[in-house]
Amino acid sequence: MTAAAPAITPAIEPVDLGPIHIPTPVVLSPMAGVTNWPFRVICEEYGPDGLYVAEMITARALVACNPKALRLCRFAPSEKIRSLQLYGVNPAIVAQAAQMVVDGGMADHVDLNFGCPVPKVTRRGGGSALPWKMDIFRDLVSRVVAVCSKANIPVTAKIRVGIDHEHETYLEAGRIAQEEGCAAVTLHARTTAEYYGGHSDWHRITELAQTLSIPVFGNGDIWGAEDALDMVRQTGCAGVAIGRGCQGRPWLFADIKHAFQGNSERINPNLGEVGRVIMRHARLLVEFFDGDEHMAVHDLRKHIAWYLKGFPVGGSTRKAFMECESLADVEREIARLDPALTLPERVIDAPRGRVRYAKKVHLPYGWLDSRSTTHDEREALFGDDPMDAGY
């Protein structure tokens, strides 16, 4: 069901990233285990002409032609812009992965991950830990931009505020990304130490947008369309990036599209409509997993938990969905739902996903001692090729 109100002035302008024109600069942030092409397709069907980014691809795994990495690089024919994110620590390996992307015509846009706070990433100096080492950060960005620019593929960077508030890096990282040719920067306005806890500090987005001449996308705590409007108005950012807020709610992109077009139409689907989305998602996942229903339904389980979040369906119903093994099982459980149920008003735009603080930031030994690396430190960091080629 929808509700409409008088139109207001459109709230955001288009953004160009090199040859890519984005009429409504809204980004589906890459999320590991979430933003494979089935979920992206559903989000894009609801949303504006924005960027819907594939989940993080480990550069070393791509170079090694790991089957899962190659599967994650797939795009559906309907996707308007093929947007792919690479992660790595060794600039040479990430550049090699970027060259594979270029040579294989695999993407129209490459994003670089410097925002992941997960310990298994940061303990290797990757993700949100990497901008602390300005020499590695600059070298990595420079190499990837050089590779991609030859094919006219824009490169962007996703960063955080810093490791913690005593070790902030976002302004320097933003400047370096701009100097080395990035087309835009996305800032998740939390530190690594803050993980996904508390509320992100949107003032940092304001500072970065005022510092850089390239577009800055804001990320953090956009749970509803009004949050997206507030972020743009408060920070002056060029666009917004949506992460956990769309988990189980791909129609959030429709709400944001409407908001940025200047009207207050919003979507609050009943459980019958949600069930149809779940079933469509399930069938797309079967296609993604090359016909393997078992893998598809197991991957779907976390999404079902998000789709049902806030609905008064009871623990036994949720448990039954978590025990599904086939499309027939999922369809059976959907048929048992009350299709008329709707989300209570108080939870429609409530926070979703992980909200806990990280207990400790995991970093390589001596990482914070210096802002740059010696030859020996690089040998220790890259010598054993610490970037896992598996998944």
Protein backbone atom coordinates (compact mmCIF):
# COMPACT_ATOMS: atom_id res chain seq x y z
CA MET A 1 0.00 0.00 0.00
CA THR A 2 1.19 3.54 -0.71
CA ALA A 3 0.46 7.02 0.53
CA ALA A 4 0.91 10.23 -1.45
CA ALA A 5 1.20 13.89 -0.51
CA PRO A 6 1.84 17.16 -2.40
CA ALA A 7 5.10 17.34 -4.31
CA ILE A 8 8.09 19.33 -3.10
CA THR A 9 11.22 20.58 -4.84
CA PRO A 10 13.62 17.80 -5.95
CA ALA A 11 16.36 17.42 -3.38
CA ILE A 12 19.41 16.22 -5.34
CA GLU A 13 21.22 16.75 -8.64
CA PRO A 14 22.60 14.13 -11.06
CA VAL A 15 26.25 13.09 -10.74
CA ASP A 16 28.72 12.14 -13.47
CA LEU A 17 31.52 9.67 -12.76
CA GLY A 18 33.64 9.93 -15.88
CA PRO A 19 31.47 8.60 -18.71
CA ILE A 20 28.82 7.28 -16.31
CA HIS A 21 25.81 9.53 -15.77
CA ILE A 22 23.86 8.87 -12.57
CA PRO A 23 20.50 10.67 -12.75
CA THR A 24 19.74 10.03 -9.06
CA PRO A 25 22.97 9.52 -7.06
CA VAL A 26 21.84 6.72 -4.77
CA VAL A 27 24.22 3.82 -4.17
CA LEU A 28 23.55 0.29 -2.95
CA SER A 29 26.65 -0.22 -0.83
CA PRO A 30 28.50 -3.48 -1.38
CA MET A 31 27.82 -5.89 1.49
CA ALA A 32 29.54 -9.27 1.78
CA GLY A 33 27.10 -12.12 1.38
CA VAL A 34 24.26 -9.73 0.51
CA THR A 35 24.70 -7.73 -2.70
CA ASN A 36 25.02 -10.51 -5.26
CA TRP A 37 23.15 -9.89 -8.49
CA PRO A 38 19.76 -11.32 -7.39
CA PHE A 39 19.50 -8.78 -4.55
CA ARG A 40 20.87 -5.98 -6.74
CA VAL A 41 18.28 -6.69 -9.44
CA ILE A 42 15.43 -6.47 -6.93
CA CYS A 43 16.77 -3.21 -5.46
CA GLU A 44 17.29 -1.67 -8.89
CA GLU A 45 13.77 -2.62 -9.98
CA TYR A 46 12.42 -0.59 -7.06
CA GLY A 47 14.89 2.24 -7.14
CA PRO A 48 16.20 5.08 -9.26
CA ASP A 49 18.92 4.97 -11.90
CA GLY A 50 21.78 4.84 -9.41
CA LEU A 51 24.73 2.57 -8.62
CA TYR A 52 24.05 -0.94 -7.35
CA VAL A 53 27.45 -2.29 -6.34
CA ALA A 54 28.47 -5.95 -6.29
CA GLU A 55 29.74 -7.38 -3.03
CA MET A 56 33.45 -7.07 -2.28
CA ILE A 57 35.72 -9.15 -4.52
CA THR A 58 39.03 -10.20 -2.98
CA ALA A 59 41.67 -9.23 -5.53
CA ARG A 60 43.91 -12.20 -4.82
CA ALA A 61 41.00 -14.60 -5.27
CA LEU A 62 40.08 -13.00 -8.58
CA VAL A 63 43.67 -13.21 -9.82
CA ALA A 64 43.66 -16.90 -8.83
CA CYS A 65 40.36 -17.37 -10.74
CA ASN A 66 38.63 -18.64 -7.61
CA PRO A 67 35.19 -19.94 -8.70
CA LYS A 68 33.31 -18.01 -6.01
CA ALA A 69 35.11 -14.78 -6.89
CA LEU A 70 34.20 -15.28 -10.55
CA ARG A 71 30.57 -15.97 -9.62
CA LEU A 72 30.45 -12.74 -7.59
CA CYS A 73 31.66 -10.84 -10.66
CA ARG A 74 28.57 -11.81 -12.64
CA PHE A 75 25.96 -9.23 -13.57
CA ALA A 76 22.40 -9.71 -14.68
CA PRO A 77 21.48 -8.50 -18.20
CA SER A 78 19.03 -5.99 -16.69
CA GLU A 79 21.67 -4.17 -14.64
CA LYS A 80 22.23 -0.75 -16.20
CA ILE A 81 25.70 -0.08 -14.73
CA ARG A 82 27.99 -2.97 -13.86
CA SER A 83 29.57 -1.76 -10.63
CA LEU A 84 32.23 -3.92 -8.96
CA GLN A 85 34.19 -3.46 -5.73
CA LEU A 86 37.74 -4.75 -5.22
CA TYR A 87 39.51 -5.36 -1.93
CA GLY A 88 43.20 -5.91 -1.36
CA VAL A 89 46.33 -4.84 0.51
CA ASN A 90 49.09 -5.39 -2.04
CA PRO A 91 48.87 -2.64 -4.69
CA ALA A 92 50.40 -4.89 -7.36
CA ILE A 93 47.84 -7.63 -6.81
CA VAL A 94 44.88 -5.22 -6.77
CA ALA A 95 46.16 -3.61 -9.97
CA GLN A 96 46.44 -7.08 -11.52
CA ALA A 97 42.85 -7.81 -10.55
CA ALA A 98 41.78 -4.48 -12.03
CA GLN A 99 43.57 -5.39 -15.25
CA MET A 100 41.57 -8.64 -15.37
CA VAL A 101 38.38 -6.60 -14.97
CA VAL A 102 39.43 -4.32 -17.82
CA ASP A 103 40.66 -7.06 -20.14
CA GLY A 104 37.55 -9.15 -19.55
CA GLY A 105 35.15 -6.24 -19.98
CA MET A 106 33.75 -7.25 -16.59
CA ALA A 107 32.56 -3.89 -15.21
CA ASP A 108 31.73 -0.28 -16.06
CA HIS A 109 32.81 1.09 -12.67
CA VAL A 110 35.33 -0.05 -10.03
CA ASP A 111 35.08 0.83 -6.35
CA LEU A 112 37.95 0.25 -3.93
CA ASN A 113 37.21 -1.01 -0.43
CA PHE A 114 38.89 0.97 2.34
CA GLY A 115 35.88 0.85 4.64
CA CYS A 116 35.52 -2.72 5.88
CA PRO A 117 36.02 -2.91 9.69
CA VAL A 118 35.90 -6.72 10.00
CA PRO A 119 38.88 -8.10 12.01
CA LYS A 120 39.87 -10.71 9.40
CA VAL A 121 40.36 -7.81 6.96
CA THR A 122 41.93 -5.17 9.20
CA ARG A 123 44.37 -7.56 10.88
CA ARG A 124 46.02 -7.87 7.45
CA GLY A 125 46.15 -4.11 7.03
CA GLY A 126 43.17 -4.06 4.66
CA GLY A 127 39.83 -2.31 4.56
CA SER A 128 39.49 0.61 6.93
CA ALA A 129 43.01 0.01 8.35
CA LEU A 130 44.80 0.65 5.06
CA PRO A 131 44.48 4.47 4.71
CA TRP A 132 46.63 4.84 7.84
CA LYS A 133 49.57 3.78 5.67
CA MET A 134 49.44 6.66 3.22
CA ASP A 135 52.15 5.27 0.95
CA ILE A 136 50.33 1.97 0.37
CA PHE A 137 47.00 3.76 0.01
CA ARG A 138 48.35 6.19 -2.60
CA ASP A 139 50.20 3.46 -4.48
CA LEU A 140 47.14 1.19 -4.60
CA VAL A 141 44.75 3.91 -5.76
CA SER A 142 47.23 5.25 -8.30
CA ARG A 143 47.85 1.84 -9.87
CA VAL A 144 44.17 0.93 -10.15
CA VAL A 145 43.24 4.31 -11.62
CA ALA A 146 46.05 3.98 -14.16
CA VAL A 147 44.79 0.57 -15.25
CA CYS A 148 41.11 1.54 -15.41
CA SER A 149 41.58 4.96 -17.01
CA LYS A 150 42.88 3.32 -20.19
CA ALA A 151 39.43 1.75 -20.60
CA ASN A 152 37.61 4.90 -19.46
CA ILE A 153 36.36 3.08 -16.35
CA PRO A 154 35.87 5.41 -13.36
CA VAL A 155 37.34 4.41 -10.01
CA THR A 156 35.86 5.42 -6.65
CA ALA A 157 36.92 4.74 -3.06
CA LYS A 158 34.93 3.78 0.03
CA ILE A 159 36.53 4.95 3.30
CA ARG A 160 35.77 5.38 7.02
CA VAL A 161 36.60 8.25 9.38
CA GLY A 162 39.68 6.39 10.58
CA ILE A 163 40.84 3.56 12.82
CA ASP A 164 39.63 5.40 15.92
CA HIS A 165 39.30 9.05 16.91
CA GLU A 166 43.01 9.23 17.76
CA HIS A 167 43.90 7.90 14.31
CA GLU A 168 41.57 9.61 11.83
CA THR A 169 42.39 9.40 8.13
CA TYR A 170 39.34 10.47 6.13
CA LEU A 171 40.46 13.95 5.08
CA GLU A 172 43.93 12.82 3.99
CA ALA A 173 42.53 9.71 2.31
CA GLY A 174 39.95 11.79 0.48
CA ARG A 175 42.59 14.22 -0.77
CA ILE A 176 44.87 11.41 -1.92
CA ALA A 177 42.01 9.65 -3.70
CA GLN A 178 41.17 12.89 -5.49
CA GLU A 179 44.80 13.62 -6.38
CA GLU A 180 45.28 10.13 -7.80
CA GLY A 181 42.25 10.34 -10.05
CA CYS A 182 39.29 8.85 -8.19
CA ALA A 183 35.96 10.06 -9.58
CA ALA A 184 34.24 10.11 -6.16
CA VAL A 185 34.63 9.08 -2.53
CA THR A 186 32.08 7.47 -0.23
CA LEU A 187 32.48 8.10 3.50
CA HIS A 188 30.96 5.81 6.10
CA ALA A 189 30.95 8.28 8.96
CA ARG A 190 32.19 5.92 11.66
CA THR A 191 35.65 4.77 12.73
CA THR A 192 36.78 1.17 12.59
CA ALA A 193 36.53 1.04 16.39
CA GLU A 194 32.91 2.18 16.26
CA TYR A 195 32.11 -0.66 13.85
CA TYR A 196 28.31 -0.31 13.41
CA GLY A 197 27.51 1.08 16.85
CA GLY A 198 25.89 4.34 17.84
CA HIS A 199 25.02 6.93 15.23
CA SER A 200 27.44 7.86 12.46
CA ASP A 201 28.86 11.39 12.62
CA TRP A 202 27.40 13.11 9.56
CA HIS A 203 29.46 16.24 10.30
CA ARG A 204 32.48 14.33 8.96
CA ILE A 205 30.65 13.95 5.65
CA THR A 206 30.13 17.73 5.62
CA GLU A 207 33.84 18.31 6.21
CA LEU A 208 34.90 15.94 3.45
CA ALA A 209 32.37 17.37 0.97
CA GLN A 210 33.69 20.87 1.69
CA THR A 211 37.31 19.70 1.32
CA LEU A 212 37.07 17.86 -1.99
CA SER A 213 36.04 18.98 -5.46
CA ILE A 214 34.98 15.46 -6.53
CA PRO A 215 31.58 14.13 -5.42
CA VAL A 216 31.28 12.78 -1.88
CA PHE A 217 28.65 10.18 -1.09
CA GLY A 218 27.46 9.90 2.49
CA ASN A 219 26.95 6.55 4.20
CA GLY A 220 25.67 5.61 7.64
CA ASP A 221 22.27 5.39 9.37
CA ILE A 222 19.96 5.85 6.40
CA TRP A 223 16.99 3.75 7.50
CA GLY A 224 14.26 5.60 5.60
CA ALA A 225 13.76 8.15 2.85
CA GLU A 226 13.64 11.00 5.33
CA ASP A 227 17.10 10.02 6.60
CA ALA A 228 18.43 10.30 3.03
CA LEU A 229 16.87 13.74 2.64
CA ASP A 230 18.27 14.84 6.01
CA MET A 231 21.77 13.65 5.14
CA VAL A 232 21.83 15.61 1.88
CA ARG A 233 20.43 18.74 3.50
CA GLN A 234 22.71 18.60 6.54
CA THR A 235 25.97 17.62 4.83
CA GLY A 236 25.80 18.90 1.26
CA CYS A 237 26.91 15.49 0.00
CA ALA A 238 26.41 14.71 -3.68
CA GLY A 239 24.65 11.40 -3.04
CA VAL A 240 23.84 8.75 -0.48
CA ALA A 241 24.98 5.15 -0.05
CA ILE A 242 22.60 2.63 1.50
CA GLY A 243 23.85 -0.39 3.42
CA ARG A 244 22.08 -2.19 6.27
CA GLY A 245 18.94 -0.07 5.87
CA CYS A 246 17.87 -2.01 2.78
CA GLN A 247 18.40 -5.50 4.22
CA GLY A 248 15.03 -7.15 3.80
CA ARG A 249 13.67 -3.86 2.48
CA PRO A 250 14.69 -3.40 -1.18
CA TRP A 251 11.68 -1.09 -1.59
CA LEU A 252 13.62 1.48 0.46
CA PHE A 253 15.14 2.48 -2.88
CA ALA A 254 11.67 3.30 -4.19
CA ASP A 255 11.04 5.48 -1.14
CA ILE A 256 14.33 7.32 -1.66
CA LYS A 257 13.65 7.71 -5.38
CA HIS A 258 10.32 9.31 -4.60
CA ALA A 259 11.85 11.54 -1.93
CA PHE A 260 14.59 12.83 -4.22
CA GLN A 261 12.06 13.39 -7.01
CA GLY A 262 10.18 15.67 -4.65
CA ASN A 263 7.15 13.67 -3.55
CA SER A 264 6.32 11.86 -0.34
CA GLU A 265 5.03 8.57 -1.75
CA ARG A 266 6.26 5.70 0.43
CA ILE A 267 5.88 1.93 0.25
CA ASN A 268 4.76 -0.18 3.22
CA PRO A 269 4.06 -3.62 1.70
CA ASN A 270 1.83 -6.09 3.47
CA LEU A 271 3.11 -9.57 4.22
CA GLY A 272 1.51 -10.97 1.08
CA GLU A 273 3.58 -8.60 -1.06
CA VAL A 274 6.70 -9.34 0.98
CA GLY A 275 6.12 -13.05 0.42
CA ARG A 276 6.05 -12.50 -3.34
CA VAL A 277 9.37 -10.65 -3.13
CA ILE A 278 10.87 -13.48 -1.06
CA MET A 279 9.79 -16.04 -3.66
CA ARG A 280 11.18 -13.98 -6.53
CA HIS A 281 14.44 -13.55 -4.61
CA ALA A 282 14.58 -17.32 -4.06
CA ARG A 283 14.16 -18.09 -7.77
CA LEU A 284 16.82 -15.57 -8.76
CA LEU A 285 19.23 -17.13 -6.25
CA VAL A 286 18.66 -20.55 -7.82
CA GLU A 287 19.74 -19.04 -11.12
CA PHE A 288 22.74 -17.37 -9.42
CA PHE A 289 23.82 -20.73 -7.98
CA ASP A 290 23.48 -22.46 -11.36
CA GLY A 291 20.33 -24.36 -10.45
CA ASP A 292 21.40 -25.50 -6.97
CA GLU A 293 18.24 -25.04 -4.86
CA HIS A 294 19.95 -26.16 -1.67
CA MET A 295 22.63 -23.47 -1.87
CA ALA A 296 20.09 -20.86 -2.97
CA VAL A 297 17.69 -21.51 -0.09
CA HIS A 298 20.49 -21.58 2.47
CA ASP A 299 21.69 -18.21 1.16
CA LEU A 300 18.12 -16.92 1.27
CA ARG A 301 17.64 -17.71 4.96
CA LYS A 302 19.36 -14.57 6.25
CA HIS A 303 17.34 -12.48 3.83
CA ILE A 304 14.09 -14.07 5.05
CA ALA A 305 15.00 -13.10 8.63
CA TRP A 306 15.41 -9.50 7.41
CA TYR A 307 12.25 -9.57 5.29
CA LEU A 308 10.20 -10.74 8.29
CA LYS A 309 11.83 -8.38 10.80
CA GLY A 310 9.15 -6.34 12.56
CA PHE A 311 6.22 -8.48 11.40
CA PRO A 312 4.32 -10.22 14.24
CA VAL A 313 4.70 -13.73 12.80
CA GLY A 314 6.04 -15.61 15.82
CA GLY A 315 9.14 -17.64 16.55
CA SER A 316 7.78 -20.93 15.19
CA THR A 317 7.24 -19.33 11.77
CA ARG A 318 10.75 -17.92 11.69
CA LYS A 319 12.17 -21.29 12.76
CA ALA A 320 10.24 -23.07 9.99
CA PHE A 321 11.74 -20.73 7.37
CA MET A 322 15.24 -21.34 8.74
CA GLU A 323 14.71 -25.07 8.20
CA CYS A 324 13.70 -24.75 4.53
CA GLU A 325 15.83 -26.72 2.07
CA SER A 326 14.03 -26.19 -1.25
CA LEU A 327 11.89 -23.71 -3.18
CA ALA A 328 8.87 -25.89 -2.36
CA ASP A 329 9.63 -25.52 1.35
CA VAL A 330 9.87 -21.74 1.05
CA GLU A 331 6.67 -21.56 -0.98
CA ARG A 332 4.86 -23.71 1.60
CA GLU A 333 5.87 -21.45 4.48
CA ILE A 334 4.96 -18.29 2.57
CA ALA A 335 1.47 -19.73 1.98
CA ARG A 336 1.05 -20.04 5.76
CA LEU A 337 1.65 -16.32 6.36
CA ASP A 338 -1.19 -13.88 6.91
CA PRO A 339 -0.96 -11.77 3.71
CA ALA A 340 -2.83 -8.83 5.27
CA LEU A 341 -0.27 -8.16 8.02
CA THR A 342 1.63 -4.86 7.76
CA LEU A 343 4.57 -3.47 9.65
CA PRO A 344 3.68 -1.40 12.72
CA GLU A 345 4.36 2.29 12.09
CA ARG A 346 6.96 2.44 14.87
CA VAL A 347 9.31 -0.07 13.16
CA ILE A 348 8.99 0.95 9.49
CA ASP A 349 12.16 3.08 9.48
CA ALA A 350 13.81 1.53 12.55
CA PRO A 351 17.53 0.59 12.46
CA ARG A 352 18.36 -2.82 11.03
CA GLY A 353 21.33 -5.16 10.91
CA ARG A 354 24.34 -5.16 13.21
CA VAL A 355 24.52 -2.35 15.74
CA ARG A 356 27.20 -3.65 18.11
CA TYR A 357 30.51 -2.01 18.83
CA ALA A 358 33.73 -3.80 18.02
CA LYS A 359 35.55 -4.79 21.19
CA LYS A 360 38.98 -4.30 19.68
CA VAL A 361 40.49 -3.16 16.39
CA HIS A 362 42.73 -5.88 15.01
CA LEU A 363 45.80 -4.55 13.15
CA PRO A 364 49.17 -5.87 11.99
CA TYR A 365 51.88 -5.62 14.65
CA GLY A 366 53.25 -2.05 14.89
CA TRP A 367 50.74 -0.73 12.33
CA LEU A 368 50.14 2.55 14.17
CA ASP A 369 53.83 3.33 14.78
CA SER A 370 54.20 5.18 11.48
CA ARG A 371 52.09 6.59 8.64
CA SER A 372 54.29 4.90 6.04
CA THR A 373 56.02 1.57 5.53
CA THR A 374 59.64 0.59 5.12
CA HIS A 375 60.82 -1.92 2.51
CA ASP A 376 61.10 -4.59 5.21
CA GLU A 377 57.59 -3.86 6.47
CA ARG A 378 56.20 -4.24 2.97
CA GLU A 379 58.06 -7.51 2.55
CA ALA A 380 56.56 -8.75 5.81
CA LEU A 381 53.11 -7.61 4.77
CA PHE A 382 53.18 -8.84 1.18
CA GLY A 383 55.90 -11.48 1.18
CA ASP A 384 53.65 -14.36 2.23
CA ASP A 385 50.83 -13.03 0.09
CA PRO A 386 48.48 -12.62 3.06
CA MET A 387 45.44 -11.96 0.88
CA ASP A 388 43.50 -15.20 0.88
CA ALA A 389 42.84 -16.65 -2.56
CA GLY A 390 39.86 -18.56 -1.19
CA TYR A 391 36.49 -17.69 0.26
